[in-house]
Amino acid sequence: MHFSSAAEIFGVDGIIVLVVVVLVLFGSTQIPKLARSLGSAQKEFKKGLDEGASEDGASAPKAVKAAPPPAVSPPTQTTVTVETNGDGSSGTSS
């Protein structure tokens, strides 16, 4: 895929018209502020990408490491006492 430069797409006349329109819309005092804000936004974006990449690199060994199995307590023994009546049934007789 071949991308053309802006001069080839718009031509010299189109670029001049574009610059004039930007000057009219934003004014000559706002353009430096706009350029600074775009530069700082780009800087923050690159900083975020670098931090994300470093976090991914640092957390990769942690993700590979297996977590220890949960502690399992031994089963407890329960003693059940059943009282029987003389006839072999359990419980009280009425």
PDB file of N, CA and C in Angstrom:
ATOM      1  N   MET A   1       0.845  -1.163   0.000  1.00  0.00           N
ATOM      2  CA  MET A   1       0.000   0.000   0.000  1.00  0.00           C
ATOM      3  C   MET A   1       0.895   1.232   0.000  1.00  0.00           C
ATOM      4  N   HIS A   2       0.619   2.156  -0.880  1.00  0.00           N
ATOM      5  CA  HIS A   2       1.457   3.351  -1.018  1.00  0.00           C
ATOM      6  C   HIS A   2       0.660   4.572  -0.561  1.00  0.00           C
ATOM      7  N   PHE A   3       1.220   5.313   0.389  1.00  0.00           N
ATOM      8  CA  PHE A   3       0.586   6.530   0.874  1.00  0.00           C
ATOM      9  C   PHE A   3       1.260   7.730   0.222  1.00  0.00           C
ATOM     10  N   SER A   4       0.451   8.650  -0.236  1.00  0.00           N
ATOM     11  CA  SER A   4       0.976   9.852  -0.856  1.00  0.00           C
ATOM     12  C   SER A   4       1.159  10.931   0.197  1.00  0.00           C
ATOM     13  N   SER A   5       2.020  11.890  -0.101  1.00  0.00           N
ATOM     14  CA  SER A   5       2.195  12.995   0.828  1.00  0.00           C
ATOM     15  C   SER A   5       1.006  13.941   0.709  1.00  0.00           C
ATOM     16  N   ALA A   6       0.894  14.840   1.677  1.00  0.00           N
ATOM     17  CA  ALA A   6      -0.226  15.782   1.678  1.00  0.00           C
ATOM     18  C   ALA A   6      -0.194  16.688   0.458  1.00  0.00           C
ATOM     19  N   ALA A   7       0.992  17.042  -0.015  1.00  0.00           N
ATOM     20  CA  ALA A   7       1.110  17.908  -1.193  1.00  0.00           C
ATOM     21  C   ALA A   7       0.553  17.218  -2.430  1.00  0.00           C
ATOM     22  N   GLU A   8       0.706  15.903  -2.538  1.00  0.00           N
ATOM     23  CA  GLU A   8       0.184  15.188  -3.701  1.00  0.00           C
ATOM     24  C   GLU A   8      -1.322  15.030  -3.641  1.00  0.00           C
ATOM     25  N   ILE A   9      -1.882  14.933  -2.432  1.00  0.00           N
ATOM     26  CA  ILE A   9      -3.328  14.745  -2.299  1.00  0.00           C
ATOM     27  C   ILE A   9      -4.065  16.054  -2.555  1.00  0.00           C
ATOM     28  N   PHE A  10      -3.675  17.127  -1.857  1.00  0.00           N
ATOM     29  CA  PHE A  10      -4.376  18.403  -1.958  1.00  0.00           C
ATOM     30  C   PHE A  10      -3.795  19.320  -3.024  1.00  0.00           C
ATOM     31  N   GLY A  11      -2.542  19.208  -3.304  1.00  0.00           N
ATOM     32  CA  GLY A  11      -1.858  20.156  -4.175  1.00  0.00           C
ATOM     33  C   GLY A  11      -1.443  21.365  -3.350  1.00  0.00           C
ATOM     34  N   VAL A  12      -0.657  22.221  -3.911  1.00  0.00           N
ATOM     35  CA  VAL A  12      -0.161  23.397  -3.194  1.00  0.00           C
ATOM     36  C   VAL A  12      -1.310  24.340  -2.859  1.00  0.00           C
ATOM     37  N   ASP A  13      -2.243  24.505  -3.785  1.00  0.00           N
ATOM     38  CA  ASP A  13      -3.373  25.407  -3.553  1.00  0.00           C
ATOM     39  C   ASP A  13      -4.258  24.890  -2.413  1.00  0.00           C
ATOM     40  N   GLY A  14      -4.457  23.598  -2.361  1.00  0.00           N
ATOM     41  CA  GLY A  14      -5.289  23.019  -1.298  1.00  0.00           C
ATOM     42  C   GLY A  14      -4.662  23.185   0.068  1.00  0.00           C
ATOM     43  N   ILE A  15      -3.348  23.059   0.165  1.00  0.00           N
ATOM     44  CA  ILE A  15      -2.661  23.233   1.449  1.00  0.00           C
ATOM     45  C   ILE A  15      -2.748  24.685   1.906  1.00  0.00           C
ATOM     46  N   ILE A  16      -2.610  25.624   0.978  1.00  0.00           N
ATOM     47  CA  ILE A  16      -2.720  27.045   1.333  1.00  0.00           C
ATOM     48  C   ILE A  16      -4.123  27.348   1.849  1.00  0.00           C
ATOM     49  N   VAL A  17      -5.145  26.827   1.190  1.00  0.00           N
ATOM     50  CA  VAL A  17      -6.528  27.041   1.629  1.00  0.00           C
ATOM     51  C   VAL A  17      -6.740  26.413   3.007  1.00  0.00           C
ATOM     52  N   LEU A  18      -6.178  25.244   3.228  1.00  0.00           N
ATOM     53  CA  LEU A  18      -6.313  24.576   4.520  1.00  0.00           C
ATOM     54  C   LEU A  18      -5.668  25.396   5.639  1.00  0.00           C
ATOM     55  N   VAL A  19      -4.497  25.952   5.388  1.00  0.00           N
ATOM     56  CA  VAL A  19      -3.813  26.772   6.388  1.00  0.00           C
ATOM     57  C   VAL A  19      -4.626  28.027   6.693  1.00  0.00           C
ATOM     58  N   VAL A  20      -5.196  28.656   5.669  1.00  0.00           N
ATOM     59  CA  VAL A  20      -6.012  29.859   5.877  1.00  0.00           C
ATOM     60  C   VAL A  20      -7.261  29.525   6.687  1.00  0.00           C
ATOM     61  N   VAL A  21      -7.899  28.403   6.395  1.00  0.00           N
ATOM     62  CA  VAL A  21      -9.098  28.008   7.140  1.00  0.00           C
ATOM     63  C   VAL A  21      -8.755  27.737   8.598  1.00  0.00           C
ATOM     64  N   VAL A  22      -7.649  27.071   8.859  1.00  0.00           N
ATOM     65  CA  VAL A  22      -7.235  26.805  10.238  1.00  0.00           C
ATOM     66  C   VAL A  22      -6.950  28.111  10.958  1.00  0.00           C
ATOM     67  N   LEU A  23      -6.294  29.052  10.311  1.00  0.00           N
ATOM     68  CA  LEU A  23      -6.017  30.354  10.928  1.00  0.00           C
ATOM     69  C   LEU A  23      -7.303  31.107  11.252  1.00  0.00           C
ATOM     70  N   VAL A  24      -8.275  31.032  10.373  1.00  0.00           N
ATOM     71  CA  VAL A  24      -9.536  31.737  10.602  1.00  0.00           C
ATOM     72  C   VAL A  24     -10.312  31.076  11.746  1.00  0.00           C
ATOM     73  N   LEU A  25     -10.336  29.763  11.763  1.00  0.00           N
ATOM     74  CA  LEU A  25     -11.107  29.065  12.800  1.00  0.00           C
ATOM     75  C   LEU A  25     -10.486  29.217  14.185  1.00  0.00           C
ATOM     76  N   PHE A  26      -9.196  29.043  14.293  1.00  0.00           N
ATOM     77  CA  PHE A  26      -8.557  29.023  15.599  1.00  0.00           C
ATOM     78  C   PHE A  26      -7.906  30.342  15.979  1.00  0.00           C
ATOM     79  N   GLY A  27      -7.568  31.163  15.052  1.00  0.00           N
ATOM     80  CA  GLY A  27      -6.880  32.408  15.353  1.00  0.00           C
ATOM     81  C   GLY A  27      -5.397  32.154  15.561  1.00  0.00           C
ATOM     82  N   SER A  28      -4.602  33.172  15.328  1.00  0.00           N
ATOM     83  CA  SER A  28      -3.153  32.999  15.396  1.00  0.00           C
ATOM     84  C   SER A  28      -2.662  32.803  16.824  1.00  0.00           C
ATOM     85  N   THR A  29      -3.416  33.246  17.839  1.00  0.00           N
ATOM     86  CA  THR A  29      -2.974  33.079  19.228  1.00  0.00           C
ATOM     87  C   THR A  29      -3.291  31.688  19.760  1.00  0.00           C
ATOM     88  N   GLN A  30      -4.286  31.022  19.203  1.00  0.00           N
ATOM     89  CA  GLN A  30      -4.692  29.709  19.707  1.00  0.00           C
ATOM     90  C   GLN A  30      -3.879  28.573  19.105  1.00  0.00           C
ATOM     91  N   ILE A  31      -3.270  28.767  17.963  1.00  0.00           N
ATOM     92  CA  ILE A  31      -2.543  27.684  17.289  1.00  0.00           C
ATOM     93  C   ILE A  31      -1.343  27.204  18.106  1.00  0.00           C
ATOM     94  N   PRO A  32      -0.508  28.077  18.703  1.00  0.00           N
ATOM     95  CA  PRO A  32       0.585  27.566  19.534  1.00  0.00           C
ATOM     96  C   PRO A  32       0.085  26.785  20.758  1.00  0.00           C
ATOM     97  N   LYS A  33      -1.017  27.236  21.352  1.00  0.00           N
ATOM     98  CA  LYS A  33      -1.590  26.507  22.498  1.00  0.00           C
ATOM     99  C   LYS A  33      -2.077  25.130  22.056  1.00  0.00           C
ATOM    100  N   LEU A  34      -2.699  25.105  20.886  1.00  0.00           N
ATOM    101  CA  LEU A  34      -3.187  23.832  20.349  1.00  0.00           C
ATOM    102  C   LEU A  34      -2.031  22.882  20.063  1.00  0.00           C
ATOM    103  N   ALA A  35      -0.956  23.404  19.501  1.00  0.00           N
ATOM    104  CA  ALA A  35       0.210  22.581  19.199  1.00  0.00           C
ATOM    105  C   ALA A  35       0.847  22.053  20.490  1.00  0.00           C
ATOM    106  N   ARG A  36       0.926  22.887  21.528  1.00  0.00           N
ATOM    107  CA  ARG A  36       1.483  22.440  22.816  1.00  0.00           C
ATOM    108  C   ARG A  36       0.623  21.343  23.436  1.00  0.00           C
ATOM    109  N   SER A  37      -0.687  21.527  23.393  1.00  0.00           N
ATOM    110  CA  SER A  37      -1.565  20.512  23.991  1.00  0.00           C
ATOM    111  C   SER A  37      -1.498  19.197  23.220  1.00  0.00           C
ATOM    112  N   LEU A  38      -1.387  19.282  21.902  1.00  0.00           N
ATOM    113  CA  LEU A  38      -1.240  18.049  21.115  1.00  0.00           C
ATOM    114  C   LEU A  38       0.093  17.368  21.415  1.00  0.00           C
ATOM    115  N   GLY A  39       1.154  18.158  21.584  1.00  0.00           N
ATOM    116  CA  GLY A  39       2.462  17.593  21.916  1.00  0.00           C
ATOM    117  C   GLY A  39       2.461  16.926  23.275  1.00  0.00           C
ATOM    118  N   SER A  40       1.824  17.578  24.262  1.00  0.00           N
ATOM    119  CA  SER A  40       1.781  16.969  25.602  1.00  0.00           C
ATOM    120  C   SER A  40       0.896  15.728  25.612  1.00  0.00           C
ATOM    121  N   ALA A  41      -0.179  15.744  24.824  1.00  0.00           N
ATOM    122  CA  ALA A  41      -1.032  14.557  24.734  1.00  0.00           C
ATOM    123  C   ALA A  41      -0.269  13.393  24.108  1.00  0.00           C
ATOM    124  N   GLN A  42       0.517  13.686  23.086  1.00  0.00           N
ATOM    125  CA  GLN A  42       1.319  12.644  22.444  1.00  0.00           C
ATOM    126  C   GLN A  42       2.359  12.103  23.421  1.00  0.00           C
ATOM    127  N   LYS A  43       2.971  12.994  24.199  1.00  0.00           N
ATOM    128  CA  LYS A  43       3.980  12.580  25.190  1.00  0.00           C
ATOM    129  C   LYS A  43       3.351  11.677  26.256  1.00  0.00           C
ATOM    130  N   GLU A  44       2.176  12.054  26.757  1.00  0.00           N
ATOM    131  CA  GLU A  44       1.484  11.235  27.756  1.00  0.00           C
ATOM    132  C   GLU A  44       1.080   9.883  27.177  1.00  0.00           C
ATOM    133  N   PHE A  45       0.662   9.873  25.920  1.00  0.00           N
ATOM    134  CA  PHE A  45       0.267   8.624  25.276  1.00  0.00           C
ATOM    135  C   PHE A  45       1.453   7.670  25.170  1.00  0.00           C
ATOM    136  N   LYS A  46       2.602   8.194  24.740  1.00  0.00           N
ATOM    137  CA  LYS A  46       3.800   7.352  24.639  1.00  0.00           C
ATOM    138  C   LYS A  46       4.244   6.869  26.010  1.00  0.00           C
ATOM    139  N   LYS A  47       4.127   7.738  27.026  1.00  0.00           N
ATOM    140  CA  LYS A  47       4.492   7.354  28.386  1.00  0.00           C
ATOM    141  C   LYS A  47       3.588   6.217  28.871  1.00  0.00           C
ATOM    142  N   GLY A  48       2.301   6.308  28.586  1.00  0.00           N
ATOM    143  CA  GLY A  48       1.361   5.250  28.954  1.00  0.00           C
ATOM    144  C   GLY A  48       1.665   3.942  28.250  1.00  0.00           C
ATOM    145  N   LEU A  49       2.042   4.023  26.976  1.00  0.00           N
ATOM    146  CA  LEU A  49       2.405   2.805  26.241  1.00  0.00           C
ATOM    147  C   LEU A  49       3.641   2.152  26.851  1.00  0.00           C
ATOM    148  N   ASP A  50       4.643   2.986  27.208  1.00  0.00           N
ATOM    149  CA  ASP A  50       5.862   2.436  27.808  1.00  0.00           C
ATOM    150  C   ASP A  50       5.574   1.805  29.167  1.00  0.00           C
ATOM    151  N   GLU A  51       4.728   2.461  29.980  1.00  0.00           N
ATOM    152  CA  GLU A  51       4.381   1.899  31.293  1.00  0.00           C
ATOM    153  C   GLU A  51       3.601   0.599  31.135  1.00  0.00           C
ATOM    154  N   GLY A  52       2.700   0.561  30.172  1.00  0.00           N
ATOM    155  CA  GLY A  52       1.935  -0.664  29.931  1.00  0.00           C
ATOM    156  C   GLY A  52       2.819  -1.802  29.479  1.00  0.00           C
ATOM    157  N   ALA A  53       3.792  -1.486  28.642  1.00  0.00           N
ATOM    158  CA  ALA A  53       4.708  -2.526  28.162  1.00  0.00           C
ATOM    159  C   ALA A  53       5.592  -3.024  29.297  1.00  0.00           C
ATOM    160  N   SER A  54       6.035  -2.116  30.179  1.00  0.00           N
ATOM    161  CA  SER A  54       6.890  -2.549  31.285  1.00  0.00           C
ATOM    162  C   SER A  54       6.081  -3.358  32.298  1.00  0.00           C
ATOM    163  N   GLU A  55       4.807  -3.016  32.503  1.00  0.00           N
ATOM    164  CA  GLU A  55       3.965  -3.807  33.409  1.00  0.00           C
ATOM    165  C   GLU A  55       3.709  -5.189  32.833  1.00  0.00           C
ATOM    166  N   ASP A  56       3.502  -5.278  31.524  1.00  0.00           N
ATOM    167  CA  ASP A  56       3.292  -6.576  30.892  1.00  0.00           C
ATOM    168  C   ASP A  56       4.530  -7.443  31.028  1.00  0.00           C
ATOM    169  N   GLY A  57       5.703  -6.854  30.859  1.00  0.00           N
ATOM    170  CA  GLY A  57       6.944  -7.607  30.983  1.00  0.00           C
ATOM    171  C   GLY A  57       7.195  -8.063  32.404  1.00  0.00           C
ATOM    172  N   ALA A  58       6.836  -7.244  33.381  1.00  0.00           N
ATOM    173  CA  ALA A  58       7.065  -7.591  34.783  1.00  0.00           C
ATOM    174  C   ALA A  58       6.035  -8.598  35.282  1.00  0.00           C
ATOM    175  N   SER A  59       4.819  -8.550  34.759  1.00  0.00           N
ATOM    176  CA  SER A  59       3.782  -9.444  35.262  1.00  0.00           C
ATOM    177  C   SER A  59       3.765 -10.783  34.531  1.00  0.00           C
ATOM    178  N   ALA A  60       4.483 -10.913  33.426  1.00  0.00           N
ATOM    179  CA  ALA A  60       4.467 -12.173  32.686  1.00  0.00           C
ATOM    180  C   ALA A  60       4.988 -13.341  33.515  1.00  0.00           C
ATOM    181  N   PRO A  61       6.115 -13.214  34.250  1.00  0.00           N
ATOM    182  CA  PRO A  61       6.537 -14.344  35.057  1.00  0.00           C
ATOM    183  C   PRO A  61       5.542 -14.672  36.166  1.00  0.00           C
ATOM    184  N   LYS A  62       4.860 -13.674  36.683  1.00  0.00           N
ATOM    185  CA  LYS A  62       3.874 -13.931  37.726  1.00  0.00           C
ATOM    186  C   LYS A  62       2.702 -14.729  37.188  1.00  0.00           C
ATOM    187  N   ALA A  63       2.320 -14.471  35.950  1.00  0.00           N
ATOM    188  CA  ALA A  63       1.195 -15.185  35.370  1.00  0.00           C
ATOM    189  C   ALA A  63       1.565 -16.637  35.091  1.00  0.00           C
ATOM    190  N   VAL A  64       2.825 -16.904  34.778  1.00  0.00           N
ATOM    191  CA  VAL A  64       3.265 -18.255  34.487  1.00  0.00           C
ATOM    192  C   VAL A  64       3.381 -19.062  35.776  1.00  0.00           C
ATOM    193  N   LYS A  65       3.786 -18.407  36.851  1.00  0.00           N
ATOM    194  CA  LYS A  65       3.975 -19.090  38.126  1.00  0.00           C
ATOM    195  C   LYS A  65       2.620 -19.578  38.644  1.00  0.00           C
ATOM    196  N   ALA A  66       2.570 -20.845  39.007  1.00  0.00           N
ATOM    197  CA  ALA A  66       1.323 -21.426  39.487  1.00  0.00           C
ATOM    198  C   ALA A  66       1.089 -21.045  40.942  1.00  0.00           C
ATOM    199  N   ALA A  67      -0.147 -20.818  41.272  1.00  0.00           N
ATOM    200  CA  ALA A  67      -0.498 -20.486  42.643  1.00  0.00           C
ATOM    201  C   ALA A  67      -0.478 -21.762  43.482  1.00  0.00           C
ATOM    202  N   PRO A  68      -0.089 -21.671  44.747  1.00  0.00           N
ATOM    203  CA  PRO A  68      -0.088 -22.875  45.581  1.00  0.00           C
ATOM    204  C   PRO A  68      -1.521 -23.358  45.801  1.00  0.00           C
ATOM    205  N   PRO A  69      -1.695 -24.666  45.920  1.00  0.00           N
ATOM    206  CA  PRO A  69      -3.058 -25.181  46.119  1.00  0.00           C
ATOM    207  C   PRO A  69      -3.589 -24.735  47.484  1.00  0.00           C
ATOM    208  N   PRO A  70      -4.881 -24.585  47.594  1.00  0.00           N
ATOM    209  CA  PRO A  70      -5.438 -24.166  48.879  1.00  0.00           C
ATOM    210  C   PRO A  70      -5.227 -25.242  49.937  1.00  0.00           C
ATOM    211  N   ALA A  71      -5.055 -24.806  51.158  1.00  0.00           N
ATOM    212  CA  ALA A  71      -4.841 -25.747  52.259  1.00  0.00           C
ATOM    213  C   ALA A  71      -6.127 -26.525  52.515  1.00  0.00           C
ATOM    214  N   VAL A  72      -5.979 -27.838  52.609  1.00  0.00           N
ATOM    215  CA  VAL A  72      -7.133 -28.698  52.844  1.00  0.00           C
ATOM    216  C   VAL A  72      -7.026 -29.248  54.254  1.00  0.00           C
ATOM    217  N   SER A  73      -8.042 -29.010  55.052  1.00  0.00           N
ATOM    218  CA  SER A  73      -8.016 -29.534  56.421  1.00  0.00           C
ATOM    219  C   SER A  73      -8.464 -30.992  56.405  1.00  0.00           C
ATOM    220  N   PRO A  74      -7.887 -31.814  57.271  1.00  0.00           N
ATOM    221  CA  PRO A  74      -8.289 -33.225  57.306  1.00  0.00           C
ATOM    222  C   PRO A  74      -9.735 -33.342  57.785  1.00  0.00           C
ATOM    223  N   PRO A  75     -10.420 -34.367  57.328  1.00  0.00           N
ATOM    224  CA  PRO A  75     -11.824 -34.517  57.749  1.00  0.00           C
ATOM    225  C   PRO A  75     -11.908 -34.791  59.256  1.00  0.00           C
ATOM    226  N   THR A  76     -12.917 -34.234  59.842  1.00  0.00           N
ATOM    227  CA  THR A  76     -13.109 -34.447  61.285  1.00  0.00           C
ATOM    228  C   THR A  76     -14.026 -35.642  61.489  1.00  0.00           C
ATOM    229  N   GLN A  77     -13.748 -36.389  62.543  1.00  0.00           N
ATOM    230  CA  GLN A  77     -14.590 -37.535  62.852  1.00  0.00           C
ATOM    231  C   GLN A  77     -15.748 -37.095  63.742  1.00  0.00           C
ATOM    232  N   THR A  78     -16.905 -37.568  63.421  1.00  0.00           N
ATOM    233  CA  THR A  78     -18.083 -37.251  64.204  1.00  0.00           C
ATOM    234  C   THR A  78     -18.646 -38.544  64.759  1.00  0.00           C
ATOM    235  N   THR A  79     -18.932 -38.508  66.027  1.00  0.00           N
ATOM    236  CA  THR A  79     -19.502 -39.686  66.663  1.00  0.00           C
ATOM    237  C   THR A  79     -20.999 -39.460  66.832  1.00  0.00           C
ATOM    238  N   VAL A  80     -21.765 -40.423  66.345  1.00  0.00           N
ATOM    239  CA  VAL A  80     -23.214 -40.330  66.460  1.00  0.00           C
ATOM    240  C   VAL A  80     -23.674 -41.451  67.381  1.00  0.00           C
ATOM    241  N   THR A  81     -24.417 -41.080  68.384  1.00  0.00           N
ATOM    242  CA  THR A  81     -24.945 -42.077  69.316  1.00  0.00           C
ATOM    243  C   THR A  81     -26.441 -42.227  69.056  1.00  0.00           C
ATOM    244  N   VAL A  82     -26.840 -43.466  68.807  1.00  0.00           N
ATOM    245  CA  VAL A  82     -28.250 -43.737  68.555  1.00  0.00           C
ATOM    246  C   VAL A  82     -28.768 -44.609  69.687  1.00  0.00           C
ATOM    247  N   GLU A  83     -29.802 -44.133  70.330  1.00  0.00           N
ATOM    248  CA  GLU A  83     -30.411 -44.924  71.403  1.00  0.00           C
ATOM    249  C   GLU A  83     -31.580 -45.701  70.811  1.00  0.00           C
ATOM    250  N   THR A  84     -31.638 -46.940  71.147  1.00  0.00           N
ATOM    251  CA  THR A  84     -32.720 -47.767  70.624  1.00  0.00           C
ATOM    252  C   THR A  84     -33.605 -48.218  71.770  1.00  0.00           C
ATOM    253  N   ASN A  85     -34.852 -48.418  71.483  1.00  0.00           N
ATOM    254  CA  ASN A  85     -35.804 -48.970  72.458  1.00  0.00           C
ATOM    255  C   ASN A  85     -35.652 -50.488  72.456  1.00  0.00           C
ATOM    256  N   GLY A  86     -36.301 -51.113  73.338  1.00  0.00           N
ATOM    257  CA  GLY A  86     -36.207 -52.561  73.451  1.00  0.00           C
ATOM    258  C   GLY A  86     -36.689 -53.293  72.197  1.00  0.00           C
ATOM    259  N   ASP A  87     -37.558 -52.680  71.403  1.00  0.00           N
ATOM    260  CA  ASP A  87     -38.091 -53.378  70.241  1.00  0.00           C
ATOM    261  C   ASP A  87     -37.256 -53.141  68.979  1.00  0.00           C
ATOM    262  N   GLY A  88     -36.128 -52.422  69.087  1.00  0.00           N
ATOM    263  CA  GLY A  88     -35.240 -52.215  67.944  1.00  0.00           C
ATOM    264  C   GLY A  88     -35.463 -50.918  67.226  1.00  0.00           C
ATOM    265  N   SER A  89     -36.493 -50.145  67.602  1.00  0.00           N
ATOM    266  CA  SER A  89     -36.720 -48.856  66.939  1.00  0.00           C
ATOM    267  C   SER A  89     -35.987 -47.772  67.689  1.00  0.00           C
ATOM    268  N   SER A  90     -35.697 -46.699  67.002  1.00  0.00           N
ATOM    269  CA  SER A  90     -34.993 -45.601  67.652  1.00  0.00           C
ATOM    270  C   SER A  90     -35.985 -44.532  68.051  1.00  0.00           C
ATOM    271  N   GLY A  91     -35.591 -43.699  68.995  1.00  0.00           N
ATOM    272  CA  GLY A  91     -36.442 -42.594  69.420  1.00  0.00           C
ATOM    273  C   GLY A  91     -37.270 -42.984  70.619  1.00  0.00           C
ATOM    274  N   THR A  92     -38.183 -42.103  70.964  1.00  0.00           N
ATOM    275  CA  THR A  92     -39.026 -42.341  72.150  1.00  0.00           C
ATOM    276  C   THR A  92     -40.327 -42.975  71.735  1.00  0.00           C
ATOM    277  N   SER A  93     -40.880 -43.757  72.606  1.00  0.00           N
ATOM    278  CA  SER A  93     -42.157 -44.376  72.303  1.00  0.00           C
ATOM    279  C   SER A  93     -43.252 -43.599  72.992  1.00  0.00           C
ATOM    280  N   SER A  94     -44.408 -43.548  72.385  1.00  0.00           N
ATOM    281  CA  SER A  94     -45.511 -42.785  72.968  1.00  0.00           C
ATOM    282  C   SER A  94     -46.554 -43.660  73.579  1.00  0.00           C
TER     283      SER A  94
END
